Every structure is written in C-alpha cells, then in structure tokens.
Amino acid sequence: MFPFLLLGCTGGAKKESENIVVSVKVDENKLVLGTLSVEKHPQIACDLIFESDFELSHSSKTTSVFLCGYKLQIPVFEYPLSYDLWFSV
C-alpha cells in the first residue's frame, strides 16, 4: 500500500497572523511542503506518493493542522509487459 497525500489545512487558529510550516521527514531527510497562513493561505494542495515510512510535522504550538489523503495498492509491472496483463479472457 502506498499513501498519497493530497491536502493540508489549518483549523482552530488562535493567532490570525501565524505562519505554520508543514514538513515531511523521510529516512533522515526533512523537506518543507509549504507554509500555511490562516489569513492568506489556509490550505496546501499537493500530490505526493510515499514509498517508505514518513513523518509529517508542523511548526505551530497553538493551531491544529489537518491532512487528507488515501492509500492505494499499486501493481508493479515488469518490462517487457506481457499481453495477458492487457487482455483478460
């Protein structure tokens, strides 16, 4: 199963002017996905697939960040593709 991350948004902000950094950590690498602003940019749209364990985090101590996504099992195809993968009888 491969997790897909689609959207992140703020919720219940105590400070209207707070900027919230949303990041992901895969293995030992940390990557910033974006910065949420309650007033200007309350959500981040993304299209990410994770093939290994990951950890999501945010910088706010007063605001919740909600994430939305799904899991999908992706079949692994090997090349050359055989015709029986494309045509079923």
PDB file of N, CA and C in Angstrom:
ATOM      1  N   MET A   1       0.836  -1.183   0.000  1.00  0.00           N
ATOM      2  CA  MET A   1       0.000   0.000   0.000  1.00  0.00           C
ATOM      3  C   MET A   1       0.879   1.244   0.000  1.00  0.00           C
ATOM      4  N   PHE A   2       0.525   2.188  -0.843  1.00  0.00           N
ATOM      5  CA  PHE A   2       1.250   3.441  -0.947  1.00  0.00           C
ATOM      6  C   PHE A   2       0.353   4.591  -0.490  1.00  0.00           C
ATOM      7  N   PRO A   3       0.772   5.342   0.529  1.00  0.00           N
ATOM      8  CA  PRO A   3      -0.022   6.503   0.948  1.00  0.00           C
ATOM      9  C   PRO A   3       0.149   7.671  -0.024  1.00  0.00           C
ATOM     10  N   PHE A   4      -0.954   8.334  -0.337  1.00  0.00           N
ATOM     11  CA  PHE A   4      -0.973   9.549  -1.147  1.00  0.00           C
ATOM     12  C   PHE A   4      -1.400  10.697  -0.237  1.00  0.00           C
ATOM     13  N   LEU A   5      -0.692  11.804  -0.272  1.00  0.00           N
ATOM     14  CA  LEU A   5      -1.070  12.992   0.482  1.00  0.00           C
ATOM     15  C   LEU A   5      -1.607  14.025  -0.494  1.00  0.00           C
ATOM     16  N   LEU A   6      -2.820  14.528  -0.237  1.00  0.00           N
ATOM     17  CA  LEU A   6      -3.465  15.435  -1.174  1.00  0.00           C
ATOM     18  C   LEU A   6      -3.631  16.865  -0.671  1.00  0.00           C
ATOM     19  N   LEU A   7      -3.884  17.056   0.628  1.00  0.00           N
ATOM     20  CA  LEU A   7      -4.253  18.370   1.106  1.00  0.00           C
ATOM     21  C   LEU A   7      -3.886  18.544   2.568  1.00  0.00           C
ATOM     22  N   GLY A   8      -3.449  19.739   2.928  1.00  0.00           N
ATOM     23  CA  GLY A   8      -3.217  20.103   4.318  1.00  0.00           C
ATOM     24  C   GLY A   8      -3.890  21.434   4.587  1.00  0.00           C
ATOM     25  N   CYS A   9      -4.523  21.593   5.759  1.00  0.00           N
ATOM     26  CA  CYS A   9      -5.180  22.860   6.065  1.00  0.00           C
ATOM     27  C   CYS A   9      -5.138  23.144   7.555  1.00  0.00           C
ATOM     28  N   THR A  10      -5.336  24.418   7.906  1.00  0.00           N
ATOM     29  CA  THR A  10      -5.331  24.833   9.308  1.00  0.00           C
ATOM     30  C   THR A  10      -6.723  24.674   9.890  1.00  0.00           C
ATOM     31  N   GLY A  11      -6.769  24.609  11.207  1.00  0.00           N
ATOM     32  CA  GLY A  11      -8.051  24.526  11.891  1.00  0.00           C
ATOM     33  C   GLY A  11      -7.948  25.060  13.299  1.00  0.00           C
ATOM     34  N   GLY A  12      -8.882  25.862  13.706  1.00  0.00           N
ATOM     35  CA  GLY A  12      -8.934  26.368  15.072  1.00  0.00           C
ATOM     36  C   GLY A  12      -7.767  27.249  15.447  1.00  0.00           C
ATOM     37  N   ALA A  13      -7.382  28.172  14.597  1.00  0.00           N
ATOM     38  CA  ALA A  13      -6.215  29.021  14.855  1.00  0.00           C
ATOM     39  C   ALA A  13      -6.495  30.012  15.980  1.00  0.00           C
ATOM     40  N   LYS A  14      -5.542  30.132  16.883  1.00  0.00           N
ATOM     41  CA  LYS A  14      -5.641  31.104  17.969  1.00  0.00           C
ATOM     42  C   LYS A  14      -5.116  32.468  17.523  1.00  0.00           C
ATOM     43  N   LYS A  15      -4.075  32.471  16.680  1.00  0.00           N
ATOM     44  CA  LYS A  15      -3.498  33.711  16.168  1.00  0.00           C
ATOM     45  C   LYS A  15      -3.802  33.808  14.684  1.00  0.00           C
ATOM     46  N   GLU A  16      -4.425  34.893  14.279  1.00  0.00           N
ATOM     47  CA  GLU A  16      -4.779  35.063  12.872  1.00  0.00           C
ATOM     48  C   GLU A  16      -3.562  35.268  11.972  1.00  0.00           C
ATOM     49  N   SER A  17      -2.475  35.830  12.506  1.00  0.00           N
ATOM     50  CA  SER A  17      -1.315  36.159  11.669  1.00  0.00           C
ATOM     51  C   SER A  17      -0.226  35.085  11.698  1.00  0.00           C
ATOM     52  N   GLU A  18      -0.491  33.953  12.322  1.00  0.00           N
ATOM     53  CA  GLU A  18       0.530  32.911  12.455  1.00  0.00           C
ATOM     54  C   GLU A  18       0.805  32.216  11.125  1.00  0.00           C
ATOM     55  N   ASN A  19       2.083  32.033  10.817  1.00  0.00           N
ATOM     56  CA  ASN A  19       2.509  31.224   9.672  1.00  0.00           C
ATOM     57  C   ASN A  19       2.935  29.866  10.186  1.00  0.00           C
ATOM     58  N   ILE A  20       2.464  28.800   9.552  1.00  0.00           N
ATOM     59  CA  ILE A  20       2.713  27.433  10.006  1.00  0.00           C
ATOM     60  C   ILE A  20       3.468  26.687   8.913  1.00  0.00           C
ATOM     61  N   VAL A  21       4.649  26.206   9.234  1.00  0.00           N
ATOM     62  CA  VAL A  21       5.458  25.436   8.289  1.00  0.00           C
ATOM     63  C   VAL A  21       5.056  23.967   8.404  1.00  0.00           C
ATOM     64  N   VAL A  22       4.692  23.358   7.280  1.00  0.00           N
ATOM     65  CA  VAL A  22       4.338  21.940   7.222  1.00  0.00           C
ATOM     66  C   VAL A  22       5.483  21.213   6.522  1.00  0.00           C
ATOM     67  N   SER A  23       5.989  20.147   7.155  1.00  0.00           N
ATOM     68  CA  SER A  23       7.127  19.432   6.585  1.00  0.00           C
ATOM     69  C   SER A  23       6.936  17.928   6.698  1.00  0.00           C
ATOM     70  N   VAL A  24       7.732  17.199   5.915  1.00  0.00           N
ATOM     71  CA  VAL A  24       7.713  15.741   5.922  1.00  0.00           C
ATOM     72  C   VAL A  24       9.147  15.260   6.100  1.00  0.00           C
ATOM     73  N   LYS A  25       9.298  14.189   6.880  1.00  0.00           N
ATOM     74  CA  LYS A  25      10.612  13.585   7.087  1.00  0.00           C
ATOM     75  C   LYS A  25      10.563  12.157   6.549  1.00  0.00           C
ATOM     76  N   VAL A  26      11.440  11.864   5.587  1.00  0.00           N
ATOM     77  CA  VAL A  26      11.567  10.528   5.010  1.00  0.00           C
ATOM     78  C   VAL A  26      13.013  10.101   5.216  1.00  0.00           C
ATOM     79  N   ASP A  27      13.203   8.945   5.839  1.00  0.00           N
ATOM     80  CA  ASP A  27      14.529   8.494   6.252  1.00  0.00           C
ATOM     81  C   ASP A  27      15.135   9.588   7.137  1.00  0.00           C
ATOM     82  N   GLU A  28      16.255  10.141   6.783  1.00  0.00           N
ATOM     83  CA  GLU A  28      16.873  11.211   7.574  1.00  0.00           C
ATOM     84  C   GLU A  28      16.722  12.573   6.902  1.00  0.00           C
ATOM     85  N   ASN A  29      15.943  12.656   5.825  1.00  0.00           N
ATOM     86  CA  ASN A  29      15.774  13.894   5.067  1.00  0.00           C
ATOM     87  C   ASN A  29      14.469  14.576   5.441  1.00  0.00           C
ATOM     88  N   LYS A  30      14.548  15.881   5.750  1.00  0.00           N
ATOM     89  CA  LYS A  30      13.358  16.660   6.068  1.00  0.00           C
ATOM     90  C   LYS A  30      13.123  17.669   4.950  1.00  0.00           C
ATOM     91  N   LEU A  31      11.892  17.720   4.442  1.00  0.00           N
ATOM     92  CA  LEU A  31      11.516  18.580   3.331  1.00  0.00           C
ATOM     93  C   LEU A  31      10.308  19.428   3.729  1.00  0.00           C
ATOM     94  N   VAL A  32      10.375  20.722   3.466  1.00  0.00           N
ATOM     95  CA  VAL A  32       9.253  21.610   3.743  1.00  0.00           C
ATOM     96  C   VAL A  32       8.251  21.500   2.593  1.00  0.00           C
ATOM     97  N   LEU A  33       7.000  21.164   2.933  1.00  0.00           N
ATOM     98  CA  LEU A  33       5.944  21.070   1.919  1.00  0.00           C
ATOM     99  C   LEU A  33       5.365  22.436   1.597  1.00  0.00           C
ATOM    100  N   GLY A  34       5.311  23.312   2.588  1.00  0.00           N
ATOM    101  CA  GLY A  34       4.766  24.643   2.361  1.00  0.00           C
ATOM    102  C   GLY A  34       4.505  25.362   3.663  1.00  0.00           C
ATOM    103  N   THR A  35       4.042  26.596   3.553  1.00  0.00           N
ATOM    104  CA  THR A  35       3.712  27.412   4.715  1.00  0.00           C
ATOM    105  C   THR A  35       2.240  27.769   4.656  1.00  0.00           C
ATOM    106  N   LEU A  36       1.523  27.463   5.734  1.00  0.00           N
ATOM    107  CA  LEU A  36       0.117  27.803   5.846  1.00  0.00           C
ATOM    108  C   LEU A  36      -0.019  29.138   6.565  1.00  0.00           C
ATOM    109  N   SER A  37      -0.926  29.964   6.098  1.00  0.00           N
ATOM    110  CA  SER A  37      -1.248  31.229   6.743  1.00  0.00           C
ATOM    111  C   SER A  37      -2.755  31.249   6.949  1.00  0.00           C
ATOM    112  N   VAL A  38      -3.201  31.459   8.171  1.00  0.00           N
ATOM    113  CA  VAL A  38      -4.627  31.433   8.468  1.00  0.00           C
ATOM    114  C   VAL A  38      -5.365  32.480   7.647  1.00  0.00           C
ATOM    115  N   GLU A  39      -4.774  33.655   7.480  1.00  0.00           N
ATOM    116  CA  GLU A  39      -5.430  34.732   6.742  1.00  0.00           C
ATOM    117  C   GLU A  39      -5.338  34.578   5.229  1.00  0.00           C
ATOM    118  N   LYS A  40      -4.151  34.232   4.706  1.00  0.00           N
ATOM    119  CA  LYS A  40      -3.920  34.282   3.262  1.00  0.00           C
ATOM    120  C   LYS A  40      -3.938  32.927   2.564  1.00  0.00           C
ATOM    121  N   HIS A  41      -3.323  31.932   3.156  1.00  0.00           N
ATOM    122  CA  HIS A  41      -3.191  30.607   2.521  1.00  0.00           C
ATOM    123  C   HIS A  41      -3.493  29.521   3.555  1.00  0.00           C
ATOM    124  N   PRO A  42      -4.777  29.263   3.845  1.00  0.00           N
ATOM    125  CA  PRO A  42      -5.120  28.297   4.886  1.00  0.00           C
ATOM    126  C   PRO A  42      -4.998  26.835   4.464  1.00  0.00           C
ATOM    127  N   GLN A  43      -4.691  26.579   3.180  1.00  0.00           N
ATOM    128  CA  GLN A  43      -4.540  25.185   2.759  1.00  0.00           C
ATOM    129  C   GLN A  43      -3.456  25.030   1.701  1.00  0.00           C
ATOM    130  N   ILE A  44      -2.918  23.809   1.647  1.00  0.00           N
ATOM    131  CA  ILE A  44      -1.887  23.438   0.680  1.00  0.00           C
ATOM    132  C   ILE A  44      -2.430  22.265  -0.125  1.00  0.00           C
ATOM    133  N   ALA A  45      -2.425  22.386  -1.432  1.00  0.00           N
ATOM    134  CA  ALA A  45      -2.774  21.259  -2.289  1.00  0.00           C
ATOM    135  C   ALA A  45      -1.476  20.616  -2.758  1.00  0.00           C
ATOM    136  N   CYS A  46      -1.404  19.304  -2.656  1.00  0.00           N
ATOM    137  CA  CYS A  46      -0.210  18.588  -3.096  1.00  0.00           C
ATOM    138  C   CYS A  46      -0.621  17.230  -3.642  1.00  0.00           C
ATOM    139  N   ASP A  47       0.303  16.591  -4.301  1.00  0.00           N
ATOM    140  CA  ASP A  47       0.055  15.276  -4.886  1.00  0.00           C
ATOM    141  C   ASP A  47       1.323  14.461  -4.674  1.00  0.00           C
ATOM    142  N   LEU A  48       1.439  13.847  -3.505  1.00  0.00           N
ATOM    143  CA  LEU A  48       2.665  13.134  -3.127  1.00  0.00           C
ATOM    144  C   LEU A  48       2.376  11.663  -2.899  1.00  0.00           C
ATOM    145  N   ILE A  49       3.314  10.815  -3.308  1.00  0.00           N
ATOM    146  CA  ILE A  49       3.246   9.375  -3.072  1.00  0.00           C
ATOM    147  C   ILE A  49       4.455   9.007  -2.229  1.00  0.00           C
ATOM    148  N   PHE A  50       4.232   8.273  -1.154  1.00  0.00           N
ATOM    149  CA  PHE A  50       5.325   7.843  -0.287  1.00  0.00           C
ATOM    150  C   PHE A  50       5.534   6.342  -0.431  1.00  0.00           C
ATOM    151  N   GLU A  51       6.767   5.951  -0.749  1.00  0.00           N
ATOM    152  CA  GLU A  51       7.087   4.539  -0.936  1.00  0.00           C
ATOM    153  C   GLU A  51       7.731   3.933   0.309  1.00  0.00           C
ATOM    154  N   SER A  52       8.042   4.753   1.314  1.00  0.00           N
ATOM    155  CA  SER A  52       8.624   4.253   2.553  1.00  0.00           C
ATOM    156  C   SER A  52       8.004   5.004   3.728  1.00  0.00           C
ATOM    157  N   ASP A  53       8.390   4.641   4.935  1.00  0.00           N
ATOM    158  CA  ASP A  53       7.852   5.297   6.122  1.00  0.00           C
ATOM    159  C   ASP A  53       8.178   6.785   6.102  1.00  0.00           C
ATOM    160  N   PHE A  54       7.254   7.589   6.613  1.00  0.00           N
ATOM    161  CA  PHE A  54       7.437   9.029   6.630  1.00  0.00           C
ATOM    162  C   PHE A  54       6.797   9.602   7.890  1.00  0.00           C
ATOM    163  N   GLU A  55       7.176  10.827   8.205  1.00  0.00           N
ATOM    164  CA  GLU A  55       6.645  11.518   9.382  1.00  0.00           C
ATOM    165  C   GLU A  55       6.284  12.946   8.970  1.00  0.00           C
ATOM    166  N   LEU A  56       5.042  13.342   9.223  1.00  0.00           N
ATOM    167  CA  LEU A  56       4.588  14.695   8.928  1.00  0.00           C
ATOM    168  C   LEU A  56       4.628  15.523  10.203  1.00  0.00           C
ATOM    169  N   SER A  57       4.997  16.794  10.083  1.00  0.00           N
ATOM    170  CA  SER A  57       5.035  17.672  11.249  1.00  0.00           C
ATOM    171  C   SER A  57       4.705  19.094  10.836  1.00  0.00           C
ATOM    172  N   HIS A  58       4.400  19.923  11.843  1.00  0.00           N
ATOM    173  CA  HIS A  58       4.152  21.345  11.602  1.00  0.00           C
ATOM    174  C   HIS A  58       4.730  22.144  12.755  1.00  0.00           C
ATOM    175  N   SER A  59       4.889  23.447  12.525  1.00  0.00           N
ATOM    176  CA  SER A  59       5.605  24.287  13.476  1.00  0.00           C
ATOM    177  C   SER A  59       4.721  24.969  14.519  1.00  0.00           C
ATOM    178  N   SER A  60       3.409  24.854  14.417  1.00  0.00           N
ATOM    179  CA  SER A  60       2.534  25.589  15.326  1.00  0.00           C
ATOM    180  C   SER A  60       2.387  24.888  16.667  1.00  0.00           C
ATOM    181  N   LYS A  61       2.378  25.679  17.721  1.00  0.00           N
ATOM    182  CA  LYS A  61       2.130  25.153  19.059  1.00  0.00           C
ATOM    183  C   LYS A  61       0.689  25.422  19.494  1.00  0.00           C
ATOM    184  N   THR A  62      -0.047  26.258  18.728  1.00  0.00           N
ATOM    185  CA  THR A  62      -1.395  26.651  19.127  1.00  0.00           C
ATOM    186  C   THR A  62      -2.477  26.254  18.127  1.00  0.00           C
ATOM    187  N   THR A  63      -2.108  25.825  16.933  1.00  0.00           N
ATOM    188  CA  THR A  63      -3.080  25.548  15.872  1.00  0.00           C
ATOM    189  C   THR A  63      -2.982  24.102  15.415  1.00  0.00           C
ATOM    190  N   SER A  64      -4.109  23.502  15.109  1.00  0.00           N
ATOM    191  CA  SER A  64      -4.129  22.151  14.543  1.00  0.00           C
ATOM    192  C   SER A  64      -3.960  22.234  13.033  1.00  0.00           C
ATOM    193  N   VAL A  65      -3.314  21.216  12.477  1.00  0.00           N
ATOM    194  CA  VAL A  65      -3.179  21.089  11.019  1.00  0.00           C
ATOM    195  C   VAL A  65      -3.798  19.752  10.641  1.00  0.00           C
ATOM    196  N   PHE A  66      -4.696  19.775   9.683  1.00  0.00           N
ATOM    197  CA  PHE A  66      -5.386  18.573   9.237  1.00  0.00           C
ATOM    198  C   PHE A  66      -4.875  18.184   7.857  1.00  0.00           C
ATOM    199  N   LEU A  67      -4.656  16.884   7.670  1.00  0.00           N
ATOM    200  CA  LEU A  67      -4.136  16.364   6.400  1.00  0.00           C
ATOM    201  C   LEU A  67      -5.123  15.360   5.832  1.00  0.00           C
ATOM    202  N   CYS A  68      -5.215  15.324   4.535  1.00  0.00           N
ATOM    203  CA  CYS A  68      -6.140  14.431   3.851  1.00  0.00           C
ATOM    204  C   CYS A  68      -5.392  13.658   2.772  1.00  0.00           C
ATOM    205  N   GLY A  69      -5.699  12.387   2.641  1.00  0.00           N
ATOM    206  CA  GLY A  69      -5.076  11.559   1.622  1.00  0.00           C
ATOM    207  C   GLY A  69      -5.741  10.196   1.588  1.00  0.00           C
ATOM    208  N   TYR A  70      -5.101   9.256   0.961  1.00  0.00           N
ATOM    209  CA  TYR A  70      -5.634   7.903   0.874  1.00  0.00           C
ATOM    210  C   TYR A  70      -4.498   6.922   0.622  1.00  0.00           C
ATOM    211  N   LYS A  71      -4.796   5.630   0.760  1.00  0.00           N
ATOM    212  CA  LYS A  71      -3.829   4.573   0.466  1.00  0.00           C
ATOM    213  C   LYS A  71      -4.320   3.795  -0.738  1.00  0.00           C
ATOM    214  N   LEU A  72      -3.372   3.405  -1.576  1.00  0.00           N
ATOM    215  CA  LEU A  72      -3.720   2.689  -2.793  1.00  0.00           C
ATOM    216  C   LEU A  72      -2.671   1.624  -3.051  1.00  0.00           C
ATOM    217  N   GLN A  73      -3.118   0.458  -3.429  1.00  0.00           N
ATOM    218  CA  GLN A  73      -2.185  -0.596  -3.798  1.00  0.00           C
ATOM    219  C   GLN A  73      -1.899  -0.475  -5.280  1.00  0.00           C
ATOM    220  N   ILE A  74      -0.653  -0.192  -5.605  1.00  0.00           N
ATOM    221  CA  ILE A  74      -0.241  -0.006  -6.988  1.00  0.00           C
ATOM    222  C   ILE A  74       0.417  -1.294  -7.479  1.00  0.00           C
ATOM    223  N   PRO A  75      -0.105  -1.883  -8.556  1.00  0.00           N
ATOM    224  CA  PRO A  75       0.553  -3.084  -9.079  1.00  0.00           C
ATOM    225  C   PRO A  75       1.921  -2.737  -9.676  1.00  0.00           C
ATOM    226  N   VAL A  76       2.859  -3.620  -9.473  1.00  0.00           N
ATOM    227  CA  VAL A  76       4.204  -3.414 -10.010  1.00  0.00           C
ATOM    228  C   VAL A  76       4.307  -4.189 -11.313  1.00  0.00           C
ATOM    229  N   PHE A  77       4.562  -3.490 -12.414  1.00  0.00           N
ATOM    230  CA  PHE A  77       4.707  -4.123 -13.715  1.00  0.00           C
ATOM    231  C   PHE A  77       6.180  -4.263 -14.037  1.00  0.00           C
ATOM    232  N   GLU A  78       6.518  -5.374 -14.662  1.00  0.00           N
ATOM    233  CA  GLU A  78       7.890  -5.581 -15.104  1.00  0.00           C
ATOM    234  C   GLU A  78       7.908  -5.533 -16.627  1.00  0.00           C
ATOM    235  N   TYR A  79       8.967  -5.012 -17.163  1.00  0.00           N
ATOM    236  CA  TYR A  79       9.114  -4.908 -18.611  1.00  0.00           C
ATOM    237  C   TYR A  79       9.918  -6.075 -19.138  1.00  0.00           C
ATOM    238  N   PRO A  80       9.657  -6.610 -20.300  1.00  0.00           N
ATOM    239  CA  PRO A  80       8.574  -6.206 -21.193  1.00  0.00           C
ATOM    240  C   PRO A  80       7.228  -6.707 -20.670  1.00  0.00           C
ATOM    241  N   LEU A  81       6.194  -5.929 -20.907  1.00  0.00           N
ATOM    242  CA  LEU A  81       4.850  -6.301 -20.470  1.00  0.00           C
ATOM    243  C   LEU A  81       4.321  -7.422 -21.343  1.00  0.00           C
ATOM    244  N   SER A  82       3.699  -8.384 -20.718  1.00  0.00           N
ATOM    245  CA  SER A  82       3.103  -9.465 -21.499  1.00  0.00           C
ATOM    246  C   SER A  82       1.670  -9.092 -21.856  1.00  0.00           C
ATOM    247  N   TYR A  83       1.159  -9.661 -22.941  1.00  0.00           N
ATOM    248  CA  TYR A  83      -0.180  -9.328 -23.403  1.00  0.00           C
ATOM    249  C   TYR A  83      -1.263  -9.767 -22.434  1.00  0.00           C
ATOM    250  N   ASP A  84      -1.027 -10.776 -21.634  1.00  0.00           N
ATOM    251  CA  ASP A  84      -2.075 -11.231 -20.726  1.00  0.00           C
ATOM    252  C   ASP A  84      -2.326 -10.218 -19.617  1.00  0.00           C
ATOM    253  N   LEU A  85      -1.445  -9.243 -19.429  1.00  0.00           N
ATOM    254  CA  LEU A  85      -1.728  -8.160 -18.492  1.00  0.00           C
ATOM    255  C   LEU A  85      -2.756  -7.193 -19.064  1.00  0.00           C
ATOM    256  N   TRP A  86      -2.785  -7.058 -20.401  1.00  0.00           N
ATOM    257  CA  TRP A  86      -3.665  -6.095 -21.043  1.00  0.00           C
ATOM    258  C   TRP A  86      -4.998  -6.708 -21.446  1.00  0.00           C
ATOM    259  N   PHE A  87      -4.998  -7.977 -21.790  1.00  0.00           N
ATOM    260  CA  PHE A  87      -6.222  -8.624 -22.253  1.00  0.00           C
ATOM    261  C   PHE A  87      -6.577  -9.771 -21.328  1.00  0.00           C
ATOM    262  N   SER A  88      -7.751  -9.730 -20.780  1.00  0.00           N
ATOM    263  CA  SER A  88      -8.195 -10.861 -19.968  1.00  0.00           C
ATOM    264  C   SER A  88      -9.294 -11.604 -20.719  1.00  0.00           C
ATOM    265  N   VAL A  89      -9.274 -12.927 -20.595  1.00  0.00           N
ATOM    266  CA  VAL A  89     -10.228 -13.750 -21.337  1.00  0.00           C
ATOM    267  C   VAL A  89     -11.369 -14.142 -20.441  1.00  0.00           C
TER     268      VAL A  89
END
